[in-house]
Amino acid sequence: MEGVRRATLVALVTGCVHLARPMDGILYERTLPHGPAVRIRRLTIAGETPVSVVLEVDRRAGTPRSGDGHPPALMQFEGATEQDAVDALEPHARDDRRVVQLMREKGLR
């Protein structure tokens, strides 16, 4: 239980969460200052290769409708491993300006 508490504290301090073996396919998640959640979500089944992932913004995060369906993908990537996929999309997910730019390009903002 100590490891879970420590991981939660690290997530709260850094503002992001890396989930090693998530149940719902979310490999990375962080909350934007105005509320929405930026996520890197696995599309393929755990253990399957190559690994397909998407970068998405859940504007319903923190609301009662959070978790209903999946938001449209802002970017897609296919890599040999989950870590390769996260490494490719994480710089975009960490950059607020890039996230807003991608949302505008997709007509979501």
C-alpha atoms as a PDB file:
ATOM      1  CA  MET A   1       0.000   0.000   0.000  1.00  0.00           C
ATOM      2  CA  GLU A   2       2.942   2.324   0.636  1.00  0.00           C
ATOM      3  CA  GLY A   3       3.874   2.231  -3.082  1.00  0.00           C
ATOM      4  CA  VAL A   4       0.347   3.281  -4.074  1.00  0.00           C
ATOM      5  CA  ARG A   5       0.444   6.243  -1.713  1.00  0.00           C
ATOM      6  CA  ARG A   6       3.857   7.283  -2.989  1.00  0.00           C
ATOM      7  CA  ALA A   7       2.705   7.019  -6.631  1.00  0.00           C
ATOM      8  CA  THR A   8      -0.370   9.093  -5.823  1.00  0.00           C
ATOM      9  CA  LEU A   9       1.766  11.754  -4.143  1.00  0.00           C
ATOM     10  CA  VAL A  10       4.147  11.875  -7.109  1.00  0.00           C
ATOM     11  CA  ALA A  11       1.179  12.225  -9.477  1.00  0.00           C
ATOM     12  CA  LEU A  12      -0.246  15.084  -7.421  1.00  0.00           C
ATOM     13  CA  VAL A  13       3.093  16.906  -7.261  1.00  0.00           C
ATOM     14  CA  THR A  14       4.004  16.508 -10.937  1.00  0.00           C
ATOM     15  CA  GLY A  15       0.483  16.969 -12.309  1.00  0.00           C
ATOM     16  CA  CYS A  16       0.646  13.850 -14.449  1.00  0.00           C
ATOM     17  CA  VAL A  17       0.078  10.154 -14.077  1.00  0.00           C
ATOM     18  CA  HIS A  18       1.926   7.304 -15.770  1.00  0.00           C
ATOM     19  CA  LEU A  19      -0.013   4.099 -15.416  1.00  0.00           C
ATOM     20  CA  ALA A  20       2.047   0.964 -15.985  1.00  0.00           C
ATOM     21  CA  ARG A  21      -0.842  -1.535 -16.349  1.00  0.00           C
ATOM     22  CA  PRO A  22      -4.104   0.364 -16.586  1.00  0.00           C
ATOM     23  CA  MET A  23      -7.410  -1.451 -16.847  1.00  0.00           C
ATOM     24  CA  ASP A  24      -8.870   0.922 -19.436  1.00  0.00           C
ATOM     25  CA  GLY A  25      -5.832   1.416 -21.691  1.00  0.00           C
ATOM     26  CA  ILE A  26      -4.790   4.862 -20.431  1.00  0.00           C
ATOM     27  CA  LEU A  27      -0.988   5.029 -20.498  1.00  0.00           C
ATOM     28  CA  TYR A  28      -0.594   8.721 -19.593  1.00  0.00           C
ATOM     29  CA  GLU A  29      -2.938  11.342 -18.190  1.00  0.00           C
ATOM     30  CA  ARG A  30      -2.670  14.886 -16.925  1.00  0.00           C
ATOM     31  CA  THR A  31      -5.162  17.624 -16.215  1.00  0.00           C
ATOM     32  CA  LEU A  32      -5.022  20.962 -18.014  1.00  0.00           C
ATOM     33  CA  PRO A  33      -5.249  24.101 -15.851  1.00  0.00           C
ATOM     34  CA  HIS A  34      -8.851  24.752 -16.976  1.00  0.00           C
ATOM     35  CA  GLY A  35     -10.101  21.198 -16.285  1.00  0.00           C
ATOM     36  CA  PRO A  36      -9.919  18.863 -19.312  1.00  0.00           C
ATOM     37  CA  ALA A  37      -7.714  15.767 -19.170  1.00  0.00           C
ATOM     38  CA  VAL A  38      -5.021  15.061 -21.776  1.00  0.00           C
ATOM     39  CA  ARG A  39      -4.552  11.322 -22.275  1.00  0.00           C
ATOM     40  CA  ILE A  40      -2.507   8.838 -24.218  1.00  0.00           C
ATOM     41  CA  ARG A  41      -4.753   5.807 -24.627  1.00  0.00           C
ATOM     42  CA  ARG A  42      -3.855   2.386 -25.981  1.00  0.00           C
ATOM     43  CA  LEU A  43      -6.142   1.092 -28.754  1.00  0.00           C
ATOM     44  CA  THR A  44      -4.676  -2.399 -29.017  1.00  0.00           C
ATOM     45  CA  ILE A  45      -5.147  -5.196 -26.494  1.00  0.00           C
ATOM     46  CA  ALA A  46      -2.549  -5.295 -23.706  1.00  0.00           C
ATOM     47  CA  GLY A  47       0.447  -7.350 -24.776  1.00  0.00           C
ATOM     48  CA  GLU A  48      -0.365  -7.123 -28.490  1.00  0.00           C
ATOM     49  CA  THR A  49       2.272  -5.699 -30.823  1.00  0.00           C
ATOM     50  CA  PRO A  50       2.594  -3.323 -32.530  1.00  0.00           C
ATOM     51  CA  VAL A  51       0.988  -0.970 -30.013  1.00  0.00           C
ATOM     52  CA  SER A  52      -1.450   1.630 -31.382  1.00  0.00           C
ATOM     53  CA  VAL A  53      -2.161   4.685 -29.225  1.00  0.00           C
ATOM     54  CA  VAL A  54      -3.965   8.009 -29.537  1.00  0.00           C
ATOM     55  CA  LEU A  55      -3.548  11.398 -27.923  1.00  0.00           C
ATOM     56  CA  GLU A  56      -6.918  12.784 -26.846  1.00  0.00           C
ATOM     57  CA  VAL A  57      -8.434  15.521 -24.679  1.00  0.00           C
ATOM     58  CA  ASP A  58     -11.412  14.634 -22.514  1.00  0.00           C
ATOM     59  CA  ARG A  59     -13.234  17.927 -22.006  1.00  0.00           C
ATOM     60  CA  ARG A  60     -15.745  16.152 -19.726  1.00  0.00           C
ATOM     61  CA  ALA A  61     -13.081  15.131 -17.185  1.00  0.00           C
ATOM     62  CA  GLY A  62     -14.224  15.817 -13.641  1.00  0.00           C
ATOM     63  CA  THR A  63     -17.906  15.966 -14.607  1.00  0.00           C
ATOM     64  CA  PRO A  64     -20.638  13.361 -14.154  1.00  0.00           C
ATOM     65  CA  ARG A  65     -20.362  12.505 -17.880  1.00  0.00           C
ATOM     66  CA  SER A  66     -16.632  11.803 -17.642  1.00  0.00           C
ATOM     67  CA  GLY A  67     -15.753   8.403 -19.065  1.00  0.00           C
ATOM     68  CA  ASP A  68     -18.741   8.189 -21.449  1.00  0.00           C
ATOM     69  CA  GLY A  69     -17.265   7.149 -24.779  1.00  0.00           C
ATOM     70  CA  HIS A  70     -13.930   8.334 -26.142  1.00  0.00           C
ATOM     71  CA  PRO A  71     -13.062  11.824 -27.393  1.00  0.00           C
ATOM     72  CA  PRO A  72     -11.759  12.233 -30.938  1.00  0.00           C
ATOM     73  CA  ALA A  73      -8.052  11.499 -31.438  1.00  0.00           C
ATOM     74  CA  LEU A  74      -5.748  14.480 -31.870  1.00  0.00           C
ATOM     75  CA  MET A  75      -2.781  12.309 -32.885  1.00  0.00           C
ATOM     76  CA  GLN A  76      -2.178   8.614 -33.509  1.00  0.00           C
ATOM     77  CA  PHE A  77       0.996   6.552 -33.218  1.00  0.00           C
ATOM     78  CA  GLU A  78       1.962   2.931 -33.699  1.00  0.00           C
ATOM     79  CA  GLY A  79       5.104   1.629 -31.988  1.00  0.00           C
ATOM     80  CA  ALA A  80       6.822  -1.598 -31.032  1.00  0.00           C
ATOM     81  CA  THR A  81       6.116  -1.167 -27.306  1.00  0.00           C
ATOM     82  CA  GLU A  82       3.876   0.889 -25.017  1.00  0.00           C
ATOM     83  CA  GLN A  83       6.921   2.834 -23.858  1.00  0.00           C
ATOM     84  CA  ASP A  84       7.849   3.733 -27.469  1.00  0.00           C
ATOM     85  CA  ALA A  85       4.320   4.996 -28.016  1.00  0.00           C
ATOM     86  CA  VAL A  86       4.270   7.054 -24.815  1.00  0.00           C
ATOM     87  CA  ASP A  87       7.730   8.465 -25.599  1.00  0.00           C
ATOM     88  CA  ALA A  88       6.506   9.593 -29.038  1.00  0.00           C
ATOM     89  CA  LEU A  89       3.319  11.330 -27.878  1.00  0.00           C
ATOM     90  CA  GLU A  90       4.220  12.527 -24.374  1.00  0.00           C
ATOM     91  CA  PRO A  91       6.065  15.701 -25.498  1.00  0.00           C
ATOM     92  CA  HIS A  92       2.872  16.771 -27.308  1.00  0.00           C
ATOM     93  CA  ALA A  93       0.700  15.827 -24.316  1.00  0.00           C
ATOM     94  CA  ARG A  94       2.853  17.896 -21.915  1.00  0.00           C
ATOM     95  CA  ASP A  95       2.761  21.068 -24.050  1.00  0.00           C
ATOM     96  CA  ASP A  96      -0.450  23.061 -23.436  1.00  0.00           C
ATOM     97  CA  ARG A  97       0.142  25.217 -26.502  1.00  0.00           C
ATOM     98  CA  ARG A  98       0.559  22.164 -28.743  1.00  0.00           C
ATOM     99  CA  VAL A  99      -2.609  20.567 -27.336  1.00  0.00           C
ATOM    100  CA  VAL A 100      -4.614  23.718 -28.104  1.00  0.00           C
ATOM    101  CA  GLN A 101      -3.105  23.858 -31.608  1.00  0.00           C
ATOM    102  CA  LEU A 102      -4.077  20.234 -32.284  1.00  0.00           C
ATOM    103  CA  MET A 103      -7.615  20.867 -30.996  1.00  0.00           C
ATOM    104  CA  ARG A 104      -7.985  23.846 -33.349  1.00  0.00           C
ATOM    105  CA  GLU A 105      -6.665  21.826 -36.297  1.00  0.00           C
ATOM    106  CA  LYS A 106      -9.306  19.153 -35.596  1.00  0.00           C
ATOM    107  CA  GLY A 107     -12.069  21.751 -35.171  1.00  0.00           C
ATOM    108  CA  LEU A 108     -12.569  20.980 -31.492  1.00  0.00           C
ATOM    109  CA  ARG A 109     -11.894  24.439 -30.147  1.00  0.00           C
END
